[in-house]
Amino acid sequence: MSIVLIREDEVLYHARVHPEHKTNTLSEQQLTSLHHNIVYVCQTAVDVNADASKFPEHWLFRHRWVSLSQSSRLGLTYETSLRAKVEMARAKVK
């Protein structure tokens, strides 16, 4: 089974694992969190029939795709926009 990039980002965000973290250095707690959040994100997507408008408001997905249209008008790249959104969301959670 493959987890598409959109879901992958969402899982990592909820598990609080940086996308560039080397997999062979993940702790047991991080692995458990990843497993839990893979199930959570995939089940939630299935429950709403993958209708993005029904994804929870607190999901990164909902904010990232809004910012993409805004960032293109500002001349920002996808990567810059995503990184900025992730950092802003993490700061709010703390």
Protein backbone atom coordinates (compact mmCIF):
# COMPACT_ATOMS: atom_id res chain seq x y z
CA MET A 1 0.00 0.00 0.00
CA SER A 2 1.23 3.48 -0.78
CA ILE A 3 0.36 6.65 1.06
CA VAL A 4 0.12 9.54 -1.38
CA LEU A 5 2.11 12.68 -0.66
CA ILE A 6 -0.87 14.61 0.66
CA ARG A 7 -1.64 11.94 3.24
CA GLU A 8 2.04 11.38 3.97
CA ASP A 9 2.48 15.03 4.92
CA GLU A 10 -0.63 14.88 7.08
CA VAL A 11 0.58 11.76 8.91
CA LEU A 12 4.01 13.25 9.58
CA TYR A 13 2.43 16.50 10.76
CA HIS A 14 0.16 14.75 13.27
CA ALA A 15 2.94 12.42 14.40
CA ARG A 16 5.23 15.44 14.84
CA VAL A 17 7.97 13.85 12.76
CA HIS A 18 9.99 16.09 10.46
CA PRO A 19 9.80 14.95 6.81
CA GLU A 20 13.60 14.87 6.57
CA HIS A 21 14.01 12.71 9.69
CA LYS A 22 15.97 9.55 8.87
CA THR A 23 13.72 6.53 9.32
CA ASN A 24 16.42 4.38 10.86
CA THR A 25 16.73 6.82 13.77
CA LEU A 26 13.05 6.96 14.77
CA SER A 27 12.34 6.08 18.38
CA GLU A 28 9.75 3.50 19.43
CA GLN A 29 7.48 6.35 20.48
CA GLN A 30 7.80 8.00 17.07
CA LEU A 31 7.10 4.70 15.30
CA THR A 32 4.02 4.15 17.45
CA SER A 33 2.84 7.68 16.72
CA LEU A 34 3.41 7.20 13.00
CA HIS A 35 1.40 3.98 13.01
CA HIS A 36 -1.44 5.56 14.97
CA ASN A 37 -1.55 8.57 12.65
CA ILE A 38 -1.38 6.50 9.45
CA VAL A 39 -4.53 4.73 10.62
CA TYR A 40 -6.15 8.00 11.76
CA VAL A 41 -5.49 9.94 8.55
CA CYS A 42 -6.41 7.10 6.20
CA GLN A 43 -9.56 6.19 8.14
CA THR A 44 -10.67 9.82 8.27
CA ALA A 45 -10.18 10.15 4.50
CA VAL A 46 -12.21 6.98 3.93
CA ASP A 47 -14.95 8.11 6.33
CA VAL A 48 -15.51 11.31 4.31
CA ASN A 49 -15.07 9.55 0.97
CA ALA A 50 -11.90 11.59 0.36
CA ASP A 51 -13.98 14.77 0.07
CA ALA A 52 -11.40 17.44 0.95
CA SER A 53 -14.10 19.87 2.03
CA LYS A 54 -14.99 17.46 4.84
CA PHE A 55 -11.47 16.99 6.19
CA PRO A 56 -11.06 18.37 9.73
CA GLU A 57 -10.28 22.08 9.99
CA HIS A 58 -7.12 21.43 12.02
CA TRP A 59 -5.56 19.33 9.25
CA LEU A 60 -2.50 20.73 7.49
CA PHE A 61 -4.08 19.72 4.17
CA ARG A 62 -6.82 22.32 4.42
CA HIS A 63 -4.41 25.16 5.14
CA ARG A 64 -1.68 24.08 2.75
CA TRP A 65 -3.84 24.05 -0.34
CA VAL A 66 -5.33 27.45 0.45
CA SER A 67 -1.84 28.84 0.88
CA LEU A 68 -0.70 27.39 -2.46
CA SER A 69 -3.03 29.62 -4.42
CA GLN A 70 -2.03 32.58 -2.28
CA SER A 71 1.67 31.77 -2.53
CA SER A 72 1.60 31.53 -6.31
CA ARG A 73 0.30 35.09 -6.47
CA LEU A 74 3.21 36.12 -4.26
CA GLY A 75 5.75 34.20 -6.32
CA LEU A 76 6.59 31.70 -3.57
CA THR A 77 7.40 28.07 -4.31
CA TYR A 78 5.33 25.15 -3.05
CA GLU A 79 8.17 24.05 -0.78
CA THR A 80 8.61 27.49 0.77
CA SER A 81 4.88 27.84 1.31
CA LEU A 82 4.55 24.39 2.87
CA ARG A 83 7.55 24.86 5.15
CA ALA A 84 6.20 28.21 6.35
CA LYS A 85 2.74 26.75 7.03
CA VAL A 86 4.16 23.78 8.94
CA GLU A 87 6.30 26.03 11.10
CA MET A 88 3.38 28.36 11.80
CA ALA A 89 1.13 25.44 12.73
CA ARG A 90 3.76 23.91 15.00
CA ALA A 91 4.23 27.22 16.77
CA LYS A 92 0.48 27.42 17.44
CA VAL A 93 0.40 23.88 18.86
CA LYS A 94 3.20 24.58 21.37
